[in-house]
Amino acid sequence: CIEDEGYSIREASALFHIPDYSMVRRWMRKWKNGGMGALASKRKGNVPMPNNKKTKKTFKSVEEELEYLRMENAYLKKLNALVEEEDRQTKNKKRKSSSD
């Protein structure tokens, strides 16, 4: 322990090749407040998505799935056509207003 050996925080960080002595200070504070358990690493990062089977569409047959996919494809094509038409109209309005 740093205190038992009589090292300062800076001396201990130099001894153990820890470039940021404030990290040793944080570890010491955690250890004093919560013991060894407080020093255990806590998992960080993205939480995995739950495997929610309710969101997946299930089909009774291949034909049913094919029909669904064809309808979805037709819907997406119509949506794309509407978005493109809206873009064209917006561009035409901009051209007319800039030429006035």
PDB file of N, CA and C in Angstrom:
ATOM      1  N   CYS A   1       0.841  -1.178   0.000  1.00  0.00           N
ATOM      2  CA  CYS A   1       0.000   0.000   0.000  1.00  0.00           C
ATOM      3  C   CYS A   1       0.893   1.250   0.000  1.00  0.00           C
ATOM      4  N   ILE A   2       0.474   2.248  -0.666  1.00  0.00           N
ATOM      5  CA  ILE A   2       1.256   3.485  -0.786  1.00  0.00           C
ATOM      6  C   ILE A   2       1.482   4.102   0.585  1.00  0.00           C
ATOM      7  N   GLU A   3       0.438   4.137   1.387  1.00  0.00           N
ATOM      8  CA  GLU A   3       0.560   4.744   2.715  1.00  0.00           C
ATOM      9  C   GLU A   3       1.488   3.938   3.618  1.00  0.00           C
ATOM     10  N   ASP A   4       1.415   2.607   3.528  1.00  0.00           N
ATOM     11  CA  ASP A   4       2.265   1.755   4.366  1.00  0.00           C
ATOM     12  C   ASP A   4       3.738   1.943   4.032  1.00  0.00           C
ATOM     13  N   GLU A   5       4.033   2.137   2.759  1.00  0.00           N
ATOM     14  CA  GLU A   5       5.419   2.295   2.323  1.00  0.00           C
ATOM     15  C   GLU A   5       5.903   3.732   2.466  1.00  0.00           C
ATOM     16  N   GLY A   6       4.988   4.658   2.693  1.00  0.00           N
ATOM     17  CA  GLY A   6       5.365   6.051   2.887  1.00  0.00           C
ATOM     18  C   GLY A   6       5.610   6.820   1.599  1.00  0.00           C
ATOM     19  N   TYR A   7       5.057   6.326   0.487  1.00  0.00           N
ATOM     20  CA  TYR A   7       5.212   7.024  -0.788  1.00  0.00           C
ATOM     21  C   TYR A   7       4.157   8.117  -0.924  1.00  0.00           C
ATOM     22  N   SER A   8       4.534   9.182  -1.593  1.00  0.00           N
ATOM     23  CA  SER A   8       3.535  10.176  -1.969  1.00  0.00           C
ATOM     24  C   SER A   8       2.834   9.660  -3.222  1.00  0.00           C
ATOM     25  N   ILE A   9       1.743  10.301  -3.571  1.00  0.00           N
ATOM     26  CA  ILE A   9       1.003   9.882  -4.766  1.00  0.00           C
ATOM     27  C   ILE A   9       1.867  10.043  -6.005  1.00  0.00           C
ATOM     28  N   ARG A  10       2.604  11.125  -6.092  1.00  0.00           N
ATOM     29  CA  ARG A  10       3.490  11.347  -7.245  1.00  0.00           C
ATOM     30  C   ARG A  10       4.601  10.302  -7.294  1.00  0.00           C
ATOM     31  N   GLU A  11       5.164   9.973  -6.146  1.00  0.00           N
ATOM     32  CA  GLU A  11       6.228   8.963  -6.115  1.00  0.00           C
ATOM     33  C   GLU A  11       5.693   7.597  -6.533  1.00  0.00           C
ATOM     34  N   ALA A  12       4.501   7.259  -6.067  1.00  0.00           N
ATOM     35  CA  ALA A  12       3.902   5.974  -6.423  1.00  0.00           C
ATOM     36  C   ALA A  12       3.596   5.910  -7.914  1.00  0.00           C
ATOM     37  N   SER A  13       3.095   6.994  -8.476  1.00  0.00           N
ATOM     38  CA  SER A  13       2.792   6.980  -9.912  1.00  0.00           C
ATOM     39  C   SER A  13       4.070   6.851 -10.727  1.00  0.00           C
ATOM     40  N   ALA A  14       5.159   7.473 -10.276  1.00  0.00           N
ATOM     41  CA  ALA A  14       6.443   7.334 -10.973  1.00  0.00           C
ATOM     42  C   ALA A  14       6.979   5.917 -10.821  1.00  0.00           C
ATOM     43  N   LEU A  15       6.855   5.337  -9.632  1.00  0.00           N
ATOM     44  CA  LEU A  15       7.355   3.995  -9.366  1.00  0.00           C
ATOM     45  C   LEU A  15       6.666   2.955 -10.246  1.00  0.00           C
ATOM     46  N   PHE A  16       5.357   3.111 -10.453  1.00  0.00           N
ATOM     47  CA  PHE A  16       4.589   2.145 -11.233  1.00  0.00           C
ATOM     48  C   PHE A  16       4.355   2.591 -12.680  1.00  0.00           C
ATOM     49  N   HIS A  17       5.074   3.627 -13.106  1.00  0.00           N
ATOM     50  CA  HIS A  17       5.025   4.119 -14.499  1.00  0.00           C
ATOM     51  C   HIS A  17       3.608   4.507 -14.921  1.00  0.00           C
ATOM     52  N   ILE A  18       2.919   5.220 -14.054  1.00  0.00           N
ATOM     53  CA  ILE A  18       1.585   5.736 -14.365  1.00  0.00           C
ATOM     54  C   ILE A  18       1.761   7.222 -14.647  1.00  0.00           C
ATOM     55  N   PRO A  19       1.629   7.629 -15.929  1.00  0.00           N
ATOM     56  CA  PRO A  19       1.964   9.002 -16.300  1.00  0.00           C
ATOM     57  C   PRO A  19       1.087  10.069 -15.646  1.00  0.00           C
ATOM     58  N   ASP A  20      -0.150   9.745 -15.324  1.00  0.00           N
ATOM     59  CA  ASP A  20      -1.065  10.733 -14.753  1.00  0.00           C
ATOM     60  C   ASP A  20      -1.240  10.445 -13.264  1.00  0.00           C
ATOM     61  N   TYR A  21      -0.563  11.208 -12.420  1.00  0.00           N
ATOM     62  CA  TYR A  21      -0.629  10.950 -10.976  1.00  0.00           C
ATOM     63  C   TYR A  21      -2.028  11.175 -10.412  1.00  0.00           C
ATOM     64  N   SER A  22      -2.852  11.959 -11.106  1.00  0.00           N
ATOM     65  CA  SER A  22      -4.215  12.177 -10.609  1.00  0.00           C
ATOM     66  C   SER A  22      -5.028  10.882 -10.658  1.00  0.00           C
ATOM     67  N   MET A  23      -4.639   9.967 -11.546  1.00  0.00           N
ATOM     68  CA  MET A  23      -5.308   8.668 -11.604  1.00  0.00           C
ATOM     69  C   MET A  23      -5.047   7.899 -10.304  1.00  0.00           C
ATOM     70  N   VAL A  24      -3.817   7.948  -9.830  1.00  0.00           N
ATOM     71  CA  VAL A  24      -3.485   7.289  -8.562  1.00  0.00           C
ATOM     72  C   VAL A  24      -4.271   7.931  -7.424  1.00  0.00           C
ATOM     73  N   ARG A  25      -4.404   9.239  -7.466  1.00  0.00           N
ATOM     74  CA  ARG A  25      -5.185   9.945  -6.442  1.00  0.00           C
ATOM     75  C   ARG A  25      -6.641   9.462  -6.445  1.00  0.00           C
ATOM     76  N   ARG A  26      -7.228   9.315  -7.645  1.00  0.00           N
ATOM     77  CA  ARG A  26      -8.612   8.837  -7.739  1.00  0.00           C
ATOM     78  C   ARG A  26      -8.729   7.415  -7.193  1.00  0.00           C
ATOM     79  N   TRP A  27      -7.745   6.569  -7.545  1.00  0.00           N
ATOM     80  CA  TRP A  27      -7.763   5.196  -7.039  1.00  0.00           C
ATOM     81  C   TRP A  27      -7.680   5.177  -5.519  1.00  0.00           C
ATOM     82  N   MET A  28      -6.824   6.012  -4.966  1.00  0.00           N
ATOM     83  CA  MET A  28      -6.674   6.079  -3.506  1.00  0.00           C
ATOM     84  C   MET A  28      -7.986   6.522  -2.850  1.00  0.00           C
ATOM     85  N   ARG A  29      -8.629   7.525  -3.426  1.00  0.00           N
ATOM     86  CA  ARG A  29      -9.889   8.025  -2.880  1.00  0.00           C
ATOM     87  C   ARG A  29     -10.960   6.936  -2.926  1.00  0.00           C
ATOM     88  N   LYS A  30     -11.039   6.226  -4.069  1.00  0.00           N
ATOM     89  CA  LYS A  30     -12.018   5.144  -4.188  1.00  0.00           C
ATOM     90  C   LYS A  30     -11.737   4.049  -3.163  1.00  0.00           C
ATOM     91  N   TRP A  31     -10.466   3.688  -3.016  1.00  0.00           N
ATOM     92  CA  TRP A  31     -10.090   2.625  -2.091  1.00  0.00           C
ATOM     93  C   TRP A  31     -10.424   3.009  -0.652  1.00  0.00           C
ATOM     94  N   LYS A  32     -10.178   4.261  -0.291  1.00  0.00           N
ATOM     95  CA  LYS A  32     -10.473   4.712   1.075  1.00  0.00           C
ATOM     96  C   LYS A  32     -11.974   4.726   1.343  1.00  0.00           C
ATOM     97  N   ASN A  33     -12.757   5.102   0.332  1.00  0.00           N
ATOM     98  CA  ASN A  33     -14.209   5.210   0.523  1.00  0.00           C
ATOM     99  C   ASN A  33     -14.941   3.879   0.412  1.00  0.00           C
ATOM    100  N   GLY A  34     -14.436   2.975  -0.451  1.00  0.00           N
ATOM    101  CA  GLY A  34     -15.203   1.758  -0.702  1.00  0.00           C
ATOM    102  C   GLY A  34     -14.422   0.467  -0.668  1.00  0.00           C
ATOM    103  N   GLY A  35     -13.153   0.522  -0.371  1.00  0.00           N
ATOM    104  CA  GLY A  35     -12.354  -0.693  -0.320  1.00  0.00           C
ATOM    105  C   GLY A  35     -12.041  -1.231  -1.707  1.00  0.00           C
ATOM    106  N   MET A  36     -11.628  -2.497  -1.747  1.00  0.00           N
ATOM    107  CA  MET A  36     -11.223  -3.112  -3.019  1.00  0.00           C
ATOM    108  C   MET A  36     -12.384  -3.190  -4.014  1.00  0.00           C
ATOM    109  N   GLY A  37     -13.592  -3.366  -3.512  1.00  0.00           N
ATOM    110  CA  GLY A  37     -14.752  -3.457  -4.404  1.00  0.00           C
ATOM    111  C   GLY A  37     -14.972  -2.187  -5.204  1.00  0.00           C
ATOM    112  N   ALA A  38     -14.596  -1.054  -4.639  1.00  0.00           N
ATOM    113  CA  ALA A  38     -14.772   0.223  -5.336  1.00  0.00           C
ATOM    114  C   ALA A  38     -13.810   0.354  -6.507  1.00  0.00           C
ATOM    115  N   LEU A  39     -12.732  -0.432  -6.487  1.00  0.00           N
ATOM    116  CA  LEU A  39     -11.745  -0.357  -7.566  1.00  0.00           C
ATOM    117  C   LEU A  39     -12.073  -1.294  -8.726  1.00  0.00           C
ATOM    118  N   ALA A  40     -13.056  -2.164  -8.550  1.00  0.00           N
ATOM    119  CA  ALA A  40     -13.424  -3.092  -9.618  1.00  0.00           C
ATOM    120  C   ALA A  40     -13.920  -2.307 -10.819  1.00  0.00           C
ATOM    121  N   SER A  41     -13.499  -2.746 -11.994  1.00  0.00           N
ATOM    122  CA  SER A  41     -13.894  -2.017 -13.202  1.00  0.00           C
ATOM    123  C   SER A  41     -15.376  -2.241 -13.470  1.00  0.00           C
ATOM    124  N   LYS A  42     -16.001  -1.189 -13.899  1.00  0.00           N
ATOM    125  CA  LYS A  42     -17.407  -1.251 -14.260  1.00  0.00           C
ATOM    126  C   LYS A  42     -17.481  -1.270 -15.775  1.00  0.00           C
ATOM    127  N   ARG A  43     -18.305  -2.139 -16.297  1.00  0.00           N
ATOM    128  CA  ARG A  43     -18.409  -2.299 -17.746  1.00  0.00           C
ATOM    129  C   ARG A  43     -18.986  -1.037 -18.363  1.00  0.00           C
ATOM    130  N   LYS A  44     -18.308  -0.536 -19.384  1.00  0.00           N
ATOM    131  CA  LYS A  44     -18.794   0.633 -20.115  1.00  0.00           C
ATOM    132  C   LYS A  44     -19.028   0.224 -21.558  1.00  0.00           C
ATOM    133  N   GLY A  45     -19.652   1.097 -22.287  1.00  0.00           N
ATOM    134  CA  GLY A  45     -19.868   0.839 -23.700  1.00  0.00           C
ATOM    135  C   GLY A  45     -21.340   0.727 -24.012  1.00  0.00           C
ATOM    136  N   ASN A  46     -21.617   0.286 -25.209  1.00  0.00           N
ATOM    137  CA  ASN A  46     -22.994   0.167 -25.668  1.00  0.00           C
ATOM    138  C   ASN A  46     -23.680  -1.010 -24.997  1.00  0.00           C
ATOM    139  N   VAL A  47     -24.913  -0.802 -24.637  1.00  0.00           N
ATOM    140  CA  VAL A  47     -25.723  -1.864 -24.070  1.00  0.00           C
ATOM    141  C   VAL A  47     -26.297  -2.649 -25.239  1.00  0.00           C
ATOM    142  N   PRO A  48     -26.146  -3.970 -25.239  1.00  0.00           N
ATOM    143  CA  PRO A  48     -26.662  -4.741 -26.370  1.00  0.00           C
ATOM    144  C   PRO A  48     -28.183  -4.649 -26.457  1.00  0.00           C
ATOM    145  N   MET A  49     -28.666  -4.647 -27.683  1.00  0.00           N
ATOM    146  CA  MET A  49     -30.103  -4.590 -27.912  1.00  0.00           C
ATOM    147  C   MET A  49     -30.731  -5.916 -27.486  1.00  0.00           C
ATOM    148  N   PRO A  50     -31.881  -5.865 -26.834  1.00  0.00           N
ATOM    149  CA  PRO A  50     -32.533  -7.119 -26.463  1.00  0.00           C
ATOM    150  C   PRO A  50     -33.053  -7.817 -27.710  1.00  0.00           C
ATOM    151  N   ASN A  51     -33.015  -9.118 -27.682  1.00  0.00           N
ATOM    152  CA  ASN A  51     -33.496  -9.900 -28.814  1.00  0.00           C
ATOM    153  C   ASN A  51     -35.016  -9.988 -28.711  1.00  0.00           C
ATOM    154  N   ASN A  52     -35.679  -9.011 -29.307  1.00  0.00           N
ATOM    155  CA  ASN A  52     -37.125  -8.912 -29.213  1.00  0.00           C
ATOM    156  C   ASN A  52     -37.746  -9.588 -30.428  1.00  0.00           C
ATOM    157  N   LYS A  53     -38.298 -10.761 -30.221  1.00  0.00           N
ATOM    158  CA  LYS A  53     -38.849 -11.519 -31.338  1.00  0.00           C
ATOM    159  C   LYS A  53     -40.200 -10.980 -31.791  1.00  0.00           C
ATOM    160  N   LYS A  54     -40.804 -10.100 -30.997  1.00  0.00           N
ATOM    161  CA  LYS A  54     -42.089  -9.528 -31.378  1.00  0.00           C
ATOM    162  C   LYS A  54     -41.946  -8.588 -32.570  1.00  0.00           C
ATOM    163  N   THR A  55     -40.767  -7.987 -32.751  1.00  0.00           N
ATOM    164  CA  THR A  55     -40.586  -7.040 -33.839  1.00  0.00           C
ATOM    165  C   THR A  55     -40.378  -7.735 -35.177  1.00  0.00           C
ATOM    166  N   LYS A  56     -40.013  -9.004 -35.150  1.00  0.00           N
ATOM    167  CA  LYS A  56     -39.787  -9.718 -36.402  1.00  0.00           C
ATOM    168  C   LYS A  56     -41.107 -10.274 -36.927  1.00  0.00           C
ATOM    169  N   LYS A  57     -41.289 -10.092 -38.221  1.00  0.00           N
ATOM    170  CA  LYS A  57     -42.487 -10.598 -38.871  1.00  0.00           C
ATOM    171  C   LYS A  57     -42.272 -12.074 -39.183  1.00  0.00           C
ATOM    172  N   THR A  58     -43.228 -12.896 -38.817  1.00  0.00           N
ATOM    173  CA  THR A  58     -43.139 -14.321 -39.137  1.00  0.00           C
ATOM    174  C   THR A  58     -44.166 -14.644 -40.208  1.00  0.00           C
ATOM    175  N   PHE A  59     -43.796 -15.538 -41.074  1.00  0.00           N
ATOM    176  CA  PHE A  59     -44.648 -15.901 -42.199  1.00  0.00           C
ATOM    177  C   PHE A  59     -44.953 -17.392 -42.146  1.00  0.00           C
ATOM    178  N   LYS A  60     -46.153 -17.719 -42.586  1.00  0.00           N
ATOM    179  CA  LYS A  60     -46.563 -19.121 -42.594  1.00  0.00           C
ATOM    180  C   LYS A  60     -45.992 -19.861 -43.791  1.00  0.00           C
ATOM    181  N   SER A  61     -45.741 -19.114 -44.867  1.00  0.00           N
ATOM    182  CA  SER A  61     -45.211 -19.771 -46.063  1.00  0.00           C
ATOM    183  C   SER A  61     -44.287 -18.813 -46.801  1.00  0.00           C
ATOM    184  N   VAL A  62     -43.546 -19.371 -47.724  1.00  0.00           N
ATOM    185  CA  VAL A  62     -42.646 -18.569 -48.547  1.00  0.00           C
ATOM    186  C   VAL A  62     -43.461 -17.632 -49.427  1.00  0.00           C
ATOM    187  N   GLU A  63     -44.609 -18.102 -49.901  1.00  0.00           N
ATOM    188  CA  GLU A  63     -45.456 -17.273 -50.749  1.00  0.00           C
ATOM    189  C   GLU A  63     -45.975 -16.054 -49.980  1.00  0.00           C
ATOM    190  N   GLU A  64     -46.336 -16.251 -48.726  1.00  0.00           N
ATOM    191  CA  GLU A  64     -46.816 -15.143 -47.906  1.00  0.00           C
ATOM    192  C   GLU A  64     -45.712 -14.107 -47.707  1.00  0.00           C
ATOM    193  N   GLU A  65     -44.495 -14.589 -47.464  1.00  0.00           N
ATOM    194  CA  GLU A  65     -43.364 -13.674 -47.302  1.00  0.00           C
ATOM    195  C   GLU A  65     -43.088 -12.930 -48.603  1.00  0.00           C
ATOM    196  N   LEU A  66     -43.151 -13.640 -49.727  1.00  0.00           N
ATOM    197  CA  LEU A  66     -42.921 -13.016 -51.027  1.00  0.00           C
ATOM    198  C   LEU A  66     -43.954 -11.925 -51.290  1.00  0.00           C
ATOM    199  N   GLU A  67     -45.210 -12.203 -50.989  1.00  0.00           N
ATOM    200  CA  GLU A  67     -46.264 -11.208 -51.186  1.00  0.00           C
ATOM    201  C   GLU A  67     -46.015  -9.978 -50.309  1.00  0.00           C
ATOM    202  N   TYR A  68     -45.647 -10.216 -49.064  1.00  0.00           N
ATOM    203  CA  TYR A  68     -45.349  -9.110 -48.155  1.00  0.00           C
ATOM    204  C   TYR A  68     -44.194  -8.263 -48.689  1.00  0.00           C
ATOM    205  N   LEU A  69     -43.129  -8.910 -49.134  1.00  0.00           N
ATOM    206  CA  LEU A  69     -41.964  -8.181 -49.642  1.00  0.00           C
ATOM    207  C   LEU A  69     -42.290  -7.401 -50.909  1.00  0.00           C
ATOM    208  N   ARG A  70     -43.143  -7.961 -51.758  1.00  0.00           N
ATOM    209  CA  ARG A  70     -43.552  -7.231 -52.965  1.00  0.00           C
ATOM    210  C   ARG A  70     -44.363  -5.992 -52.604  1.00  0.00           C
ATOM    211  N   MET A  71     -45.256  -6.115 -51.621  1.00  0.00           N
ATOM    212  CA  MET A  71     -46.042  -4.958 -51.192  1.00  0.00           C
ATOM    213  C   MET A  71     -45.135  -3.897 -50.564  1.00  0.00           C
ATOM    214  N   GLU A  72     -44.186  -4.354 -49.768  1.00  0.00           N
ATOM    215  CA  GLU A  72     -43.249  -3.418 -49.155  1.00  0.00           C
ATOM    216  C   GLU A  72     -42.429  -2.702 -50.226  1.00  0.00           C
ATOM    217  N   ASN A  73     -41.987  -3.435 -51.226  1.00  0.00           N
ATOM    218  CA  ASN A  73     -41.214  -2.859 -52.326  1.00  0.00           C
ATOM    219  C   ASN A  73     -42.040  -1.820 -53.084  1.00  0.00           C
ATOM    220  N   ALA A  74     -43.299  -2.134 -53.365  1.00  0.00           N
ATOM    221  CA  ALA A  74     -44.171  -1.193 -54.069  1.00  0.00           C
ATOM    222  C   ALA A  74     -44.376   0.067 -53.234  1.00  0.00           C
ATOM    223  N   TYR A  75     -44.577  -0.102 -51.949  1.00  0.00           N
ATOM    224  CA  TYR A  75     -44.748   1.040 -51.052  1.00  0.00           C
ATOM    225  C   TYR A  75     -43.513   1.932 -51.077  1.00  0.00           C
ATOM    226  N   LEU A  76     -42.331   1.324 -50.972  1.00  0.00           N
ATOM    227  CA  LEU A  76     -41.091   2.104 -50.957  1.00  0.00           C
ATOM    228  C   LEU A  76     -40.860   2.826 -52.283  1.00  0.00           C
ATOM    229  N   LYS A  77     -41.234   2.192 -53.390  1.00  0.00           N
ATOM    230  CA  LYS A  77     -41.102   2.854 -54.695  1.00  0.00           C
ATOM    231  C   LYS A  77     -42.015   4.076 -54.773  1.00  0.00           C
ATOM    232  N   LYS A  78     -43.250   3.944 -54.295  1.00  0.00           N
ATOM    233  CA  LYS A  78     -44.174   5.080 -54.306  1.00  0.00           C
ATOM    234  C   LYS A  78     -43.676   6.196 -53.395  1.00  0.00           C
ATOM    235  N   LEU A  79     -43.182   5.830 -52.243  1.00  0.00           N
ATOM    236  CA  LEU A  79     -42.640   6.817 -51.319  1.00  0.00           C
ATOM    237  C   LEU A  79     -41.465   7.552 -51.948  1.00  0.00           C
ATOM    238  N   ASN A  80     -40.588   6.817 -52.597  1.00  0.00           N
ATOM    239  CA  ASN A  80     -39.434   7.421 -53.266  1.00  0.00           C
ATOM    240  C   ASN A  80     -39.886   8.374 -54.370  1.00  0.00           C
ATOM    241  N   ALA A  81     -40.893   7.977 -55.135  1.00  0.00           N
ATOM    242  CA  ALA A  81     -41.402   8.837 -56.202  1.00  0.00           C
ATOM    243  C   ALA A  81     -41.990  10.126 -55.624  1.00  0.00           C
ATOM    244  N   LEU A  82     -42.703  10.033 -54.516  1.00  0.00           N
ATOM    245  CA  LEU A  82     -43.271  11.221 -53.885  1.00  0.00           C
ATOM    246  C   LEU A  82     -42.180  12.166 -53.380  1.00  0.00           C
ATOM    247  N   VAL A  83     -41.148  11.611 -52.785  1.00  0.00           N
ATOM    248  CA  VAL A  83     -40.043  12.433 -52.284  1.00  0.00           C
ATOM    249  C   VAL A  83     -39.330  13.121 -53.442  1.00  0.00           C
ATOM    250  N   GLU A  84     -39.091  12.390 -54.524  1.00  0.00           N
ATOM    251  CA  GLU A  84     -38.439  12.987 -55.694  1.00  0.00           C
ATOM    252  C   GLU A  84     -39.292  14.095 -56.297  1.00  0.00           C
ATOM    253  N   GLU A  85     -40.596  13.892 -56.372  1.00  0.00           N
ATOM    254  CA  GLU A  85     -41.496  14.911 -56.913  1.00  0.00           C
ATOM    255  C   GLU A  85     -41.481  16.157 -56.030  1.00  0.00           C
ATOM    256  N   GLU A  86     -41.485  15.957 -54.732  1.00  0.00           N
ATOM    257  CA  GLU A  86     -41.424  17.087 -53.812  1.00  0.00           C
ATOM    258  C   GLU A  86     -40.114  17.853 -53.987  1.00  0.00           C
ATOM    259  N   ASP A  87     -39.017  17.137 -54.168  1.00  0.00           N
ATOM    260  CA  ASP A  87     -37.718  17.785 -54.405  1.00  0.00           C
ATOM    261  C   ASP A  87     -37.742  18.598 -55.697  1.00  0.00           C
ATOM    262  N   ARG A  88     -38.328  18.028 -56.745  1.00  0.00           N
ATOM    263  CA  ARG A  88     -38.420  18.747 -58.029  1.00  0.00           C
ATOM    264  C   ARG A  88     -39.230  20.030 -57.874  1.00  0.00           C
ATOM    265  N   GLN A  89     -40.351  19.949 -57.170  1.00  0.00           N
ATOM    266  CA  GLN A  89     -41.185  21.130 -56.977  1.00  0.00           C
ATOM    267  C   GLN A  89     -40.452  22.195 -56.170  1.00  0.00           C
ATOM    268  N   THR A  90     -39.710  21.786 -55.176  1.00  0.00           N
ATOM    269  CA  THR A  90     -38.940  22.735 -54.368  1.00  0.00           C
ATOM    270  C   THR A  90     -37.882  23.422 -55.213  1.00  0.00           C
ATOM    271  N   LYS A  91     -37.209  22.657 -56.056  1.00  0.00           N
ATOM    272  CA  LYS A  91     -36.177  23.235 -56.927  1.00  0.00           C
ATOM    273  C   LYS A  91     -36.796  24.210 -57.925  1.00  0.00           C
ATOM    274  N   ASN A  92     -37.949  23.845 -58.479  1.00  0.00           N
ATOM    275  CA  ASN A  92     -38.620  24.731 -59.435  1.00  0.00           C
ATOM    276  C   ASN A  92     -39.046  26.033 -58.768  1.00  0.00           C
ATOM    277  N   LYS A  93     -39.542  25.977 -57.543  1.00  0.00           N
ATOM    278  CA  LYS A  93     -39.932  27.188 -56.827  1.00  0.00           C
ATOM    279  C   LYS A  93     -38.726  28.074 -56.573  1.00  0.00           C
ATOM    280  N   LYS A  94     -37.593  27.470 -56.240  1.00  0.00           N
ATOM    281  CA  LYS A  94     -36.376  28.245 -55.994  1.00  0.00           C
ATOM    282  C   LYS A  94     -35.907  28.925 -57.276  1.00  0.00           C
ATOM    283  N   ARG A  95     -35.994  28.206 -58.394  1.00  0.00           N
ATOM    284  CA  ARG A  95     -35.578  28.784 -59.677  1.00  0.00           C
ATOM    285  C   ARG A  95     -36.460  29.965 -60.053  1.00  0.00           C
ATOM    286  N   LYS A  96     -37.775  29.803 -59.863  1.00  0.00           N
ATOM    287  CA  LYS A  96     -38.699  30.878 -60.210  1.00  0.00           C
ATOM    288  C   LYS A  96     -38.480  32.095 -59.328  1.00  0.00           C
ATOM    289  N   SER A  97     -38.252  31.884 -58.043  1.00  0.00           N
ATOM    290  CA  SER A  97     -38.069  33.020 -57.140  1.00  0.00           C
ATOM    291  C   SER A  97     -36.731  33.709 -57.377  1.00  0.00           C
ATOM    292  N   SER A  98     -35.713  32.990 -57.801  1.00  0.00           N
ATOM    293  CA  SER A  98     -34.412  33.621 -58.050  1.00  0.00           C
ATOM    294  C   SER A  98     -34.396  34.370 -59.380  1.00  0.00           C
ATOM    295  N   SER A  99     -35.244  33.974 -60.322  1.00  0.00           N
ATOM    296  CA  SER A  99     -35.281  34.665 -61.614  1.00  0.00           C
ATOM    297  C   SER A  99     -36.162  35.906 -61.572  1.00  0.00           C
ATOM    298  N   ASP A 100     -37.008  36.046 -60.551  1.00  0.00           N
ATOM    299  CA  ASP A 100     -37.892  37.220 -60.444  1.00  0.00           C
ATOM    300  C   ASP A 100     -37.169  38.429 -60.002  1.00  0.00           C
TER     301      ASP A 100
END
